[in-house]
């Protein structure tokens, strides 16, 4: 027995190097694909080696496949960084942590909390999201409307000095919890009631922690130019990088005005301000029914609105305001452009237009008749609406601008949940299929850059996410440039993207050979404290 123990130890010492050598060096090797690395640089053929959650090696010559636990043959496919959605409505995240409608588009990181609204307090929410298990990475902004409502409800007035100080404290708390910046929804209540100096003060608090500012402008229709000017003023006075989010010109009276707004962006940048835009690739927006009501009528919430409608003079004023907004803004002067998305109080309206509702009620096609129904619908509980009021020329002009990025403005969804905007399923593949391959509006390399490297840098994550290089997190989308696209339509939106057979999040496939795996390798990201 005394001789057996040293012999056994000697045998183990000889066997250990061989056993270690037999273990694969890489968890995954993506072989032979056409690499578009997110930098905007030219594509090339090569291999990508992954170990754990990181890319460890890129090679223009074939790597030894025996060094990998698994090999994905990517010949004939594009290998790109996973897409970063800089404007995502993640409100259903805890109910849909797999994020299938986003992940199947190639999205590996989504930024929530847009348009002034988001979870608060943020730290507890991020902890809950991580415990739920995530199909993709998520990050958040802290919402101006959220903190204003917390402090002031929906009152239509300026804050007192003490109220403003407490809102600043809430913004700083959100940034300390890991928010990547602040968002505003100045077209929505209660943000609409704020003045520019209030937003500057709160944005400065976010800037102090290295945050950004994303602005849903106060106006995107007749007041578009003033809305852009205000956002640029906030960027200057708060000394904060700004994104004019879902940038567009709303309503036929404003079509073509993106040539002016983009010139304003260029001028601001020439003056040293860090101003960018993002957009979705569709000629329709989606937001609430309430945007068709004059904002003053919404002070105090739905109870305040109901009380005003009981006063004939105020009711008439509200209806006149709705008619004007139907004519010049989201209605575009044609109620066939106003489509119901999600309607809790009458599911039969989902997918139908405001014009359809007018005909069903037998009230005639006038804007005045439509206004009465809009008010009725808002008092019933409101609705999510799709507004077909954007010009294709503006979509293309914004997309071609060097400071524009792609973002969905989509809400996480799944089949059976209303008739949502198709952007929830198709934003990124639509750009790659329709605007790159079919229309040649921008190049493939430019499109991928706008979806990956640019938003990563905007978030301060360059060199970590949105890149394909050694040391980057292994967030990767592999797609077929010849077939990638989105079958989702406004009539039939619940259709997943095509031509994206692999999506990898932190080194783990969540879409594998076209099959959604329901893996949950995503992370709730927190911006490092400064």
Protein backbone atom coordinates (compact mmCIF):
# COMPACT_ATOMS: atom_id res chain seq x y z
CA UNK A 1 0.00 0.00 0.00
CA UNK A 2 2.93 2.34 0.85
CA UNK A 3 4.27 1.90 -2.72
CA UNK A 4 0.86 2.26 -4.37
CA UNK A 5 0.20 5.85 -3.19
CA UNK A 6 3.36 7.44 -4.70
CA UNK A 7 2.72 5.50 -7.91
CA UNK A 8 -0.87 6.80 -8.10
CA UNK A 9 0.28 10.39 -7.51
CA UNK A 10 2.89 10.04 -10.23
CA UNK A 11 0.29 8.75 -12.68
CA UNK A 12 -2.04 11.68 -11.87
CA UNK A 13 0.77 14.19 -12.38
CA UNK A 14 1.46 12.72 -15.81
CA UNK A 15 -2.23 12.59 -16.77
CA UNK A 16 -3.15 16.14 -15.65
CA UNK A 17 -1.49 18.08 -18.51
CA UNK A 18 -3.07 15.80 -21.07
CA UNK A 19 -6.49 16.15 -19.46
CA UNK A 20 -6.17 19.93 -19.35
CA UNK A 21 -5.02 19.97 -22.95
CA UNK A 22 -8.10 17.98 -23.95
CA UNK A 23 -10.45 20.64 -22.59
CA UNK A 24 -11.57 23.04 -25.36
CA UNK A 25 -9.89 26.43 -25.29
CA UNK A 26 -12.96 28.19 -26.69
CA UNK A 27 -16.60 27.67 -25.85
CA UNK A 28 -17.66 28.67 -29.36
CA UNK A 29 -16.06 29.27 -32.74
CA UNK A 30 -17.94 31.13 -35.48
CA UNK A 31 -16.19 30.01 -38.62
CA UNK A 32 -16.00 31.40 -42.13
CA UNK A 33 -18.50 34.24 -41.81
CA UNK A 34 -18.39 37.69 -43.34
CA UNK A 35 -17.49 39.93 -40.42
CA UNK A 36 -19.03 43.40 -40.14
CA UNK A 37 -17.50 44.54 -36.88
CA UNK A 38 -19.71 47.52 -35.99
CA UNK A 39 -17.03 50.15 -36.54
CA UNK A 40 -18.29 51.16 -39.97
CA UNK A 41 -15.22 49.60 -41.57
CA UNK A 42 -15.28 47.27 -44.56
CA UNK A 43 -16.43 43.68 -44.18
CA UNK A 44 -14.03 40.76 -44.36
CA UNK A 45 -14.13 36.97 -44.11
CA UNK A 46 -12.88 35.48 -40.88
CA UNK A 47 -13.38 33.45 -37.73
CA UNK A 48 -14.53 34.62 -34.29
CA UNK A 49 -13.46 32.71 -31.18
CA UNK A 50 -15.43 33.05 -27.93
CA UNK A 51 -14.46 31.94 -24.44
CA UNK A 52 -17.21 32.32 -21.86
CA UNK A 53 -18.89 35.69 -22.31
CA UNK A 54 -16.10 37.37 -24.31
CA UNK A 55 -14.72 37.45 -27.80
CA UNK A 56 -11.09 36.40 -27.47
CA UNK A 57 -9.82 36.25 -31.05
CA UNK A 58 -10.68 37.34 -34.59
CA UNK A 59 -8.74 35.89 -37.48
CA UNK A 60 -8.79 36.42 -41.23
CA UNK A 61 -7.36 32.93 -41.62
CA UNK A 62 -9.22 29.79 -40.48
CA UNK A 63 -8.71 28.84 -36.85
CA UNK A 64 -8.26 25.31 -35.56
CA UNK A 65 -11.77 23.95 -35.00
CA UNK A 66 -10.56 21.35 -32.51
CA UNK A 67 -9.85 24.17 -30.05
CA UNK A 68 -13.59 24.91 -29.71
CA UNK A 69 -16.33 23.08 -27.83
CA UNK A 70 -18.73 24.03 -30.61
CA UNK A 71 -18.39 25.41 -34.12
CA UNK A 72 -21.02 27.46 -35.96
CA UNK A 73 -20.46 27.32 -39.71
CA UNK A 74 -21.17 30.90 -40.79
CA UNK A 75 -20.13 30.63 -44.42
CA UNK A 76 -22.43 32.81 -46.51
CA UNK A 77 -23.67 34.69 -43.44
CA UNK A 78 -22.93 38.09 -41.91
CA UNK A 79 -21.41 38.05 -38.42
CA UNK A 80 -22.05 41.35 -36.61
CA UNK A 81 -22.25 42.66 -33.07
CA UNK A 82 -25.66 42.19 -31.51
CA UNK A 83 -27.93 45.13 -32.14
CA UNK A 84 -28.44 47.81 -29.48
CA UNK A 85 -31.93 49.28 -29.26
CA UNK A 86 -31.49 52.78 -27.89
CA UNK A 87 -35.23 53.33 -27.39
CA UNK A 88 -37.18 50.34 -26.10
CA UNK A 89 -40.40 50.16 -24.13
CA UNK A 90 -39.56 47.44 -21.65
CA UNK A 91 -42.55 47.89 -19.36
CA UNK A 92 -43.60 44.20 -19.81
CA UNK A 93 -40.06 42.93 -19.08
CA UNK A 94 -40.86 41.16 -15.81
CA UNK A 95 -43.74 39.35 -17.55
CA UNK A 96 -41.72 38.71 -20.72
CA UNK A 97 -38.11 38.38 -19.55
CA UNK A 98 -37.26 36.24 -22.58
CA UNK A 99 -37.81 39.40 -24.71
CA UNK A 100 -38.53 37.22 -27.72
CA UNK A 101 -39.96 39.97 -29.93
CA UNK A 102 -36.68 41.88 -29.54
CA UNK A 103 -34.14 39.06 -29.41
CA UNK A 104 -35.39 37.48 -32.64
CA UNK A 105 -34.56 40.78 -34.38
CA UNK A 106 -30.93 40.39 -33.32
CA UNK A 107 -31.22 42.75 -30.36
CA UNK A 108 -28.82 41.88 -27.53
CA UNK A 109 -29.08 45.11 -25.50
CA UNK A 110 -32.11 47.38 -25.09
CA UNK A 111 -32.27 50.74 -23.34
CA UNK A 112 -35.49 51.20 -21.38
CA UNK A 113 -37.04 54.15 -19.59
CA UNK A 114 -37.62 56.36 -22.66
CA UNK A 115 -40.04 59.25 -23.19
CA UNK A 116 -39.77 60.42 -19.59
CA UNK A 117 -41.11 57.24 -18.00
CA UNK A 118 -39.36 54.33 -16.37
CA UNK A 119 -39.15 52.15 -13.26
CA UNK A 120 -38.38 53.83 -9.96
CA UNK A 121 -36.65 53.18 -7.66
CA UNK A 122 -34.32 51.70 -10.23
CA UNK A 123 -31.99 49.58 -8.11
CA UNK A 124 -34.73 47.29 -6.83
CA UNK A 125 -36.18 46.95 -10.32
CA UNK A 126 -32.84 45.97 -11.84
CA UNK A 127 -32.42 43.36 -9.12
CA UNK A 128 -35.87 41.95 -9.89
CA UNK A 129 -35.14 41.87 -13.62
CA UNK A 130 -31.90 39.99 -13.08
CA UNK A 131 -33.61 37.45 -10.84
CA UNK A 132 -36.28 36.92 -13.50
CA UNK A 133 -33.63 35.73 -15.96
CA UNK A 134 -33.21 37.85 -19.09
CA UNK A 135 -33.05 36.85 -22.73
CA UNK A 136 -31.06 39.99 -23.54
CA UNK A 137 -29.13 42.70 -21.75
CA UNK A 138 -31.07 45.72 -20.53
CA UNK A 139 -30.11 49.18 -19.35
CA UNK A 140 -32.27 52.08 -18.22
CA UNK A 141 -32.73 55.82 -18.18
CA UNK A 142 -34.43 57.64 -15.33
CA UNK A 143 -37.58 59.39 -16.48
CA UNK A 144 -38.34 63.07 -15.98
CA UNK A 145 -42.09 62.41 -16.00
CA UNK A 146 -41.59 59.69 -13.41
CA UNK A 147 -39.82 61.93 -10.91
CA UNK A 148 -42.11 64.90 -11.61
CA UNK A 149 -45.18 62.76 -10.99
CA UNK A 150 -43.55 61.42 -7.82
CA UNK A 151 -43.06 64.94 -6.51
CA UNK A 152 -45.92 66.96 -8.05
CA UNK A 153 -48.49 64.55 -9.45
CA UNK A 154 -49.95 65.86 -12.70
CA UNK A 155 -50.22 69.49 -11.66
CA UNK A 156 -49.91 72.08 -14.43
CA UNK A 157 -47.42 74.47 -12.84
CA UNK A 158 -43.75 75.10 -12.26
CA UNK A 159 -42.11 73.39 -9.27
CA UNK A 160 -41.19 75.33 -6.17
CA UNK A 161 -37.49 75.57 -5.34
CA UNK A 162 -37.88 72.79 -2.78
CA UNK A 163 -39.76 70.56 -5.24
CA UNK A 164 -37.10 71.08 -7.88
CA UNK A 165 -34.38 70.27 -5.36
CA UNK A 166 -36.14 67.04 -4.43
CA UNK A 167 -36.52 66.11 -8.11
CA UNK A 168 -32.80 66.71 -8.59
CA UNK A 169 -32.18 64.37 -5.66
CA UNK A 170 -34.36 61.70 -7.30
CA UNK A 171 -32.44 62.01 -10.57
CA UNK A 172 -29.16 61.65 -8.69
CA UNK A 173 -30.56 58.63 -6.89
CA UNK A 174 -31.50 57.04 -10.21
CA UNK A 175 -28.05 57.72 -11.60
CA UNK A 176 -26.50 56.25 -8.47
CA UNK A 177 -28.66 53.16 -8.97
CA UNK A 178 -27.09 52.65 -12.40
CA UNK A 179 -29.15 54.69 -14.87
CA UNK A 180 -27.39 55.68 -18.07
CA UNK A 181 -29.02 59.10 -18.21
CA UNK A 182 -32.31 60.95 -18.20
CA UNK A 183 -35.21 60.88 -20.63
CA UNK A 184 -38.00 63.35 -21.20
CA UNK A 185 -41.39 63.05 -22.81
CA UNK A 186 -42.22 66.72 -23.14
CA UNK A 187 -45.32 65.99 -25.23
CA UNK A 188 -46.80 63.94 -22.40
CA UNK A 189 -48.33 64.86 -19.07
CA UNK A 190 -46.83 65.91 -16.71
CA UNK A 191 -43.61 66.67 -18.64
CA UNK A 192 -45.49 69.02 -20.94
CA UNK A 193 -46.09 71.33 -17.98
CA UNK A 194 -42.36 71.81 -17.34
CA UNK A 195 -40.31 74.74 -18.57
CA UNK A 196 -36.90 74.45 -20.17
CA UNK A 197 -35.02 75.56 -17.05
CA UNK A 198 -36.53 72.68 -15.06
CA UNK A 199 -35.30 70.15 -17.61
CA UNK A 200 -31.87 71.81 -17.66
CA UNK A 201 -31.53 71.48 -13.89
CA UNK A 202 -32.49 67.80 -13.91
CA UNK A 203 -30.34 67.02 -16.95
CA UNK A 204 -27.36 68.68 -15.30
CA UNK A 205 -27.78 66.29 -12.37
CA UNK A 206 -27.62 63.37 -14.81
CA UNK A 207 -24.63 64.89 -16.60
CA UNK A 208 -22.73 65.11 -13.31
CA UNK A 209 -22.75 61.29 -13.25
CA UNK A 210 -21.75 60.92 -16.89
CA UNK A 211 -25.28 60.39 -18.18
CA UNK A 212 -26.92 61.25 -21.48
CA UNK A 213 -30.22 62.95 -22.28
CA UNK A 214 -32.77 61.48 -24.68
CA UNK A 215 -35.53 63.84 -25.69
CA UNK A 216 -38.99 63.07 -26.93
CA UNK A 217 -39.42 66.61 -28.19
CA UNK A 218 -42.13 68.89 -26.89
CA UNK A 219 -43.55 69.04 -30.41
CA UNK A 220 -42.90 66.96 -33.54
CA UNK A 221 -45.57 68.57 -35.72
CA UNK A 222 -46.06 72.30 -36.27
CA UNK A 223 -43.76 73.08 -33.32
CA UNK A 224 -40.99 70.73 -34.47
CA UNK A 225 -38.31 73.37 -35.05
CA UNK A 226 -38.96 74.94 -31.67
CA UNK A 227 -38.81 71.49 -30.08
CA UNK A 228 -35.41 70.78 -31.63
CA UNK A 229 -34.14 74.21 -30.58
CA UNK A 230 -35.23 73.54 -26.99
CA UNK A 231 -33.41 70.18 -26.89
CA UNK A 232 -30.25 71.82 -28.21
CA UNK A 233 -30.56 74.53 -25.57
CA UNK A 234 -30.81 71.86 -22.87
CA UNK A 235 -27.73 70.12 -24.26
CA UNK A 236 -25.81 73.40 -24.12
CA UNK A 237 -26.95 74.64 -20.73
CA UNK A 238 -26.81 71.26 -18.97
CA UNK A 239 -23.57 70.31 -20.73
CA UNK A 240 -24.96 66.89 -21.58
CA UNK A 241 -24.91 64.68 -24.70
CA UNK A 242 -28.39 64.56 -26.25
CA UNK A 243 -30.28 62.20 -28.53
CA UNK A 244 -33.33 63.54 -30.37
CA UNK A 245 -35.20 60.28 -30.16
CA UNK A 246 -37.52 58.78 -32.82
CA UNK A 247 -36.74 61.82 -34.95
CA UNK A 248 -39.37 62.67 -37.52
CA UNK A 249 -41.64 65.38 -38.88
CA UNK A 250 -45.27 64.69 -38.00
CA UNK A 251 -48.10 65.62 -40.34
CA UNK A 252 -48.18 66.56 -44.03
CA UNK A 253 -47.77 70.25 -43.23
CA UNK A 254 -44.29 69.47 -41.84
CA UNK A 255 -43.08 66.86 -44.31
CA UNK A 256 -39.60 67.68 -45.56
CA UNK A 257 -38.70 69.72 -42.49
CA UNK A 258 -36.13 67.14 -41.39
CA UNK A 259 -33.81 68.92 -43.83
CA UNK A 260 -34.02 71.88 -41.45
CA UNK A 261 -33.82 69.91 -38.21
CA UNK A 262 -30.79 67.94 -39.36
CA UNK A 263 -29.10 71.19 -40.36
CA UNK A 264 -29.79 72.37 -36.80
CA UNK A 265 -28.09 69.22 -35.51
CA UNK A 266 -25.08 69.89 -37.74
CA UNK A 267 -24.89 73.49 -36.57
CA UNK A 268 -25.05 72.46 -32.92
CA UNK A 269 -22.29 69.93 -33.41
CA UNK A 270 -20.15 72.51 -35.18
CA UNK A 271 -20.58 74.68 -32.08
CA UNK A 272 -19.21 71.86 -29.91
CA UNK A 273 -22.45 70.30 -28.67
CA UNK A 274 -22.87 66.53 -28.65
CA UNK A 275 -26.20 66.10 -30.45
CA UNK A 276 -27.38 62.94 -32.23
CA UNK A 277 -30.69 61.44 -33.36
CA UNK A 278 -32.29 58.02 -33.55
CA UNK A 279 -35.18 56.80 -35.68
CA UNK A 280 -37.36 53.82 -36.53
CA UNK A 281 -37.74 52.80 -40.20
CA UNK A 282 -41.49 53.27 -40.61
CA UNK A 283 -43.90 55.96 -41.78
CA UNK A 284 -46.17 55.58 -38.76
CA UNK A 285 -45.75 56.29 -35.07
CA UNK A 286 -47.38 54.64 -32.09
CA UNK A 287 -48.36 56.36 -28.90
CA UNK A 288 -51.42 56.98 -26.78
CA UNK A 289 -54.82 58.28 -27.80
CA UNK A 290 -54.28 61.10 -25.31
CA UNK A 291 -51.87 62.94 -27.64
CA UNK A 292 -54.96 63.96 -29.61
CA UNK A 293 -56.16 65.98 -26.61
CA UNK A 294 -54.81 69.42 -25.70
CA UNK A 295 -52.36 68.84 -22.83
CA UNK A 296 -54.00 71.41 -20.55
CA UNK A 297 -57.13 69.24 -20.53
CA UNK A 298 -55.20 66.33 -18.99
CA UNK A 299 -54.02 68.09 -15.83
CA UNK A 300 -55.13 66.07 -12.84
CA UNK A 301 -55.35 62.88 -14.86
CA UNK A 302 -58.52 61.29 -16.19
CA UNK A 303 -60.57 62.57 -13.25
CA UNK A 304 -59.51 66.10 -14.06
CA UNK A 305 -60.44 65.57 -17.69
CA UNK A 306 -63.85 64.19 -16.75
CA UNK A 307 -64.56 67.18 -14.52
CA UNK A 308 -63.72 69.58 -17.35
CA UNK A 309 -66.01 67.80 -19.79
CA UNK A 310 -68.90 68.43 -17.41
CA UNK A 311 -68.50 72.16 -18.02
CA UNK A 312 -69.92 72.93 -21.49
CA UNK A 313 -67.49 75.73 -22.31
CA UNK A 314 -64.45 73.65 -21.36
CA UNK A 315 -65.81 70.60 -23.18
CA UNK A 316 -66.24 72.66 -26.36
CA UNK A 317 -62.70 73.98 -25.99
CA UNK A 318 -61.35 70.44 -25.58
CA UNK A 319 -63.21 69.27 -28.68
CA UNK A 320 -61.89 72.20 -30.72
CA UNK A 321 -58.38 71.32 -29.58
CA UNK A 322 -58.85 67.70 -30.66
CA UNK A 323 -60.08 68.82 -34.10
CA UNK A 324 -57.00 71.01 -34.51
CA UNK A 325 -54.66 68.17 -33.53
CA UNK A 326 -56.46 65.79 -35.88
CA UNK A 327 -56.01 68.34 -38.65
CA UNK A 328 -52.40 69.42 -38.12
CA UNK A 329 -50.66 66.78 -36.01
CA UNK A 330 -51.13 63.03 -35.45
CA UNK A 331 -54.36 62.87 -37.43
CA UNK A 332 -52.89 64.32 -40.59
CA UNK A 333 -56.34 65.62 -41.50
CA UNK A 334 -57.57 62.11 -42.31
CA UNK A 335 -59.00 59.79 -39.67
CA UNK A 336 -58.13 56.79 -41.83
CA UNK A 337 -54.53 57.49 -40.76
CA UNK A 338 -55.41 56.90 -37.09
CA UNK A 339 -55.39 53.18 -36.22
CA UNK A 340 -56.25 51.49 -32.92
CA UNK A 341 -53.54 49.26 -31.49
CA UNK A 342 -54.55 48.06 -28.04
CA UNK A 343 -58.02 48.90 -26.67
CA UNK A 344 -58.90 47.39 -23.30
CA UNK A 345 -62.52 48.58 -23.38
CA UNK A 346 -63.36 47.36 -26.92
CA UNK A 347 -61.04 44.76 -28.41
CA UNK A 348 -63.09 44.79 -31.63
CA UNK A 349 -61.54 48.16 -32.47
CA UNK A 350 -57.99 46.80 -32.48
CA UNK A 351 -56.54 47.12 -35.96
CA UNK A 352 -59.42 49.35 -37.07
CA UNK A 353 -59.14 53.07 -37.81
CA UNK A 354 -60.83 56.04 -36.24
CA UNK A 355 -62.69 56.41 -39.54
CA UNK A 356 -63.94 52.82 -39.17
CA UNK A 357 -65.28 53.69 -35.72
CA UNK A 358 -67.01 56.75 -37.13
CA UNK A 359 -68.70 54.63 -39.79
CA UNK A 360 -69.69 51.98 -37.23
CA UNK A 361 -71.30 54.65 -35.07
CA UNK A 362 -72.94 56.33 -38.06
CA UNK A 363 -71.68 59.79 -37.09
CA UNK A 364 -70.16 60.72 -40.44
CA UNK A 365 -66.55 61.33 -41.53
CA UNK A 366 -65.99 64.86 -40.20
CA UNK A 367 -63.14 65.75 -37.85
CA UNK A 368 -65.71 67.15 -35.43
CA UNK A 369 -67.46 63.77 -35.23
CA UNK A 370 -64.09 62.08 -34.79
CA UNK A 371 -63.17 64.47 -31.97
CA UNK A 372 -66.22 63.44 -29.97
CA UNK A 373 -65.23 59.78 -30.29
CA UNK A 374 -61.63 60.54 -29.32
CA UNK A 375 -62.85 62.21 -26.14
CA UNK A 376 -65.18 59.30 -25.43
CA UNK A 377 -62.35 56.83 -25.93
CA UNK A 378 -60.01 58.68 -23.61
CA UNK A 379 -62.67 58.84 -20.90
CA UNK A 380 -63.25 55.10 -21.36
CA UNK A 381 -59.62 54.44 -20.47
CA UNK A 382 -57.61 55.54 -23.48
CA UNK A 383 -55.91 53.35 -26.03
CA UNK A 384 -52.62 52.68 -27.78
CA UNK A 385 -52.74 54.09 -31.30
CA UNK A 386 -50.80 53.90 -34.56
CA UNK A 387 -50.61 57.17 -36.49
CA UNK A 388 -49.72 57.00 -40.19
CA UNK A 389 -48.34 60.51 -40.48
CA UNK A 390 -44.64 60.35 -41.51
CA UNK A 391 -43.21 60.92 -44.99
CA UNK A 392 -40.96 58.28 -46.56
CA UNK A 393 -38.58 60.99 -47.76
CA UNK A 394 -38.01 62.12 -44.19
CA UNK A 395 -37.35 58.53 -43.07
CA UNK A 396 -34.64 58.18 -45.72
CA UNK A 397 -33.12 61.59 -45.07
CA UNK A 398 -32.75 60.91 -41.35
CA UNK A 399 -31.37 57.43 -42.00
CA UNK A 400 -28.64 58.81 -44.26
CA UNK A 401 -27.49 61.43 -41.77
CA UNK A 402 -24.10 60.56 -40.24
CA UNK A 403 -25.34 61.19 -36.69
CA UNK A 404 -28.47 59.03 -36.85
CA UNK A 405 -28.89 55.67 -35.16
CA UNK A 406 -31.55 52.97 -35.43
CA UNK A 407 -33.93 52.40 -32.50
CA UNK A 408 -37.29 50.68 -32.40
CA UNK A 409 -39.46 52.68 -29.98
CA UNK A 410 -41.14 49.27 -29.77
CA UNK A 411 -42.82 47.67 -26.79
CA UNK A 412 -42.05 44.10 -25.83
CA UNK A 413 -44.96 42.02 -27.02
CA UNK A 414 -46.08 38.54 -27.95
CA UNK A 415 -48.75 37.13 -30.28
CA UNK A 416 -52.28 37.83 -29.16
CA UNK A 417 -51.54 41.16 -27.49
CA UNK A 418 -53.50 43.68 -29.52
CA UNK A 419 -52.40 45.01 -32.92
CA UNK A 420 -49.08 46.71 -32.13
CA UNK A 421 -46.80 48.66 -34.40
CA UNK A 422 -44.72 46.21 -36.49
CA UNK A 423 -41.55 47.87 -35.20
CA UNK A 424 -41.94 45.70 -32.09
CA UNK A 425 -40.96 42.70 -34.24
CA UNK A 426 -39.20 44.16 -37.23
CA UNK A 427 -37.19 47.36 -36.81
CA UNK A 428 -33.67 46.04 -37.30
CA UNK A 429 -34.36 43.38 -39.95
CA UNK A 430 -36.46 45.91 -41.88
CA UNK A 431 -33.49 48.26 -42.11
CA UNK A 432 -31.23 45.43 -43.29
CA UNK A 433 -33.73 43.95 -45.72
CA UNK A 434 -35.71 46.89 -47.07
CA UNK A 435 -33.43 49.91 -46.75
CA UNK A 436 -30.05 48.20 -47.26
CA UNK A 437 -30.65 45.29 -49.62
CA UNK A 438 -33.70 46.41 -51.59
CA UNK A 439 -33.58 50.22 -51.58
CA UNK A 440 -29.82 50.76 -51.09
CA UNK A 441 -30.47 53.81 -48.94
CA UNK A 442 -27.39 53.07 -46.81
CA UNK A 443 -24.67 50.43 -46.96
CA UNK A 444 -24.65 47.29 -44.85
CA UNK A 445 -21.59 48.48 -42.94
CA UNK A 446 -23.24 51.83 -42.21
CA UNK A 447 -26.46 50.18 -41.07
CA UNK A 448 -24.66 47.84 -38.68
CA UNK A 449 -22.63 50.77 -37.33
CA UNK A 450 -25.85 52.69 -36.63
CA UNK A 451 -27.23 49.64 -34.78
CA UNK A 452 -24.12 48.71 -32.79
CA UNK A 453 -20.98 50.81 -32.50
CA UNK A 454 -22.72 54.18 -32.49
CA UNK A 455 -25.29 53.45 -29.75
CA UNK A 456 -22.64 51.63 -27.70
CA UNK A 457 -20.45 54.72 -27.77
CA UNK A 458 -23.44 56.92 -26.91
CA UNK A 459 -23.95 54.79 -23.78
CA UNK A 460 -20.27 54.81 -22.86
CA UNK A 461 -20.01 51.09 -23.62
CA UNK A 462 -17.67 51.30 -26.62
CA UNK A 463 -15.03 48.61 -26.42
CA UNK A 464 -17.44 46.45 -24.39
CA UNK A 465 -20.68 46.14 -26.35
CA UNK A 466 -21.56 46.86 -29.95
CA UNK A 467 -18.20 45.65 -31.21
CA UNK A 468 -16.52 42.56 -32.60
CA UNK A 469 -12.98 42.61 -31.27
CA UNK A 470 -10.94 40.75 -28.69
CA UNK A 471 -12.18 41.73 -25.25
CA UNK A 472 -15.70 42.71 -26.30
CA UNK A 473 -18.64 40.90 -24.76
CA UNK A 474 -19.84 38.13 -27.05
CA UNK A 475 -23.13 39.73 -28.09
CA UNK A 476 -23.48 38.69 -31.73
CA UNK A 477 -26.10 38.60 -34.48
CA UNK A 478 -25.54 36.25 -37.42
CA UNK A 479 -27.80 36.91 -40.40
CA UNK A 480 -28.23 36.19 -44.08
CA UNK A 481 -27.92 39.46 -46.00
CA UNK A 482 -29.88 37.93 -48.88
CA UNK A 483 -32.95 36.99 -46.82
CA UNK A 484 -32.99 39.07 -43.63
CA UNK A 485 -36.20 41.02 -43.26
CA UNK A 486 -39.44 41.51 -41.40
CA UNK A 487 -42.79 40.08 -42.51
CA UNK A 488 -44.57 42.09 -39.78
CA UNK A 489 -47.13 44.54 -41.17
CA UNK A 490 -49.53 47.05 -39.67
CA UNK A 491 -52.37 44.62 -40.39
CA UNK A 492 -50.52 41.48 -39.23
CA UNK A 493 -47.75 42.66 -36.89
CA UNK A 494 -47.25 39.50 -34.82
CA UNK A 495 -44.63 37.96 -37.12
CA UNK A 496 -41.03 37.30 -36.14
CA UNK A 497 -38.03 38.38 -38.19
CA UNK A 498 -36.59 36.15 -40.90
CA UNK A 499 -33.02 35.52 -41.97
CA UNK A 500 -31.39 35.78 -38.51
CA UNK A 501 -30.48 32.18 -37.62
CA UNK A 502 -28.21 32.93 -34.65
CA UNK A 503 -28.33 35.49 -31.85
CA UNK A 504 -25.75 35.19 -29.08
CA UNK A 505 -25.93 37.06 -25.76
CA UNK A 506 -22.90 37.04 -23.47
CA UNK A 507 -21.57 34.01 -25.31
CA UNK A 508 -24.79 31.96 -25.12
CA UNK A 509 -27.03 31.32 -28.16
CA UNK A 510 -30.58 32.56 -27.56
CA UNK A 511 -31.54 31.94 -31.18
CA UNK A 512 -29.82 28.79 -32.41
CA UNK A 513 -30.14 27.67 -36.03
CA UNK A 514 -33.39 29.64 -36.24
CA UNK A 515 -34.84 28.19 -33.03
CA UNK A 516 -35.56 30.42 -30.03
CA UNK A 517 -33.85 28.61 -27.14
CA UNK A 518 -35.39 30.49 -24.19
CA UNK A 519 -31.90 30.78 -22.70
CA UNK A 520 -31.56 33.62 -20.20
CA UNK A 521 -27.95 34.87 -20.29
CA UNK A 522 -28.87 38.57 -20.32
CA UNK A 523 -27.79 41.05 -17.68
CA UNK A 524 -29.29 44.14 -16.10
CA UNK A 525 -26.52 46.63 -16.75
CA UNK A 526 -25.64 49.49 -14.44
CA UNK A 527 -23.62 52.48 -15.53
CA UNK A 528 -20.41 52.63 -13.49
CA UNK A 529 -20.40 55.42 -10.93
CA UNK A 530 -18.09 58.36 -11.56
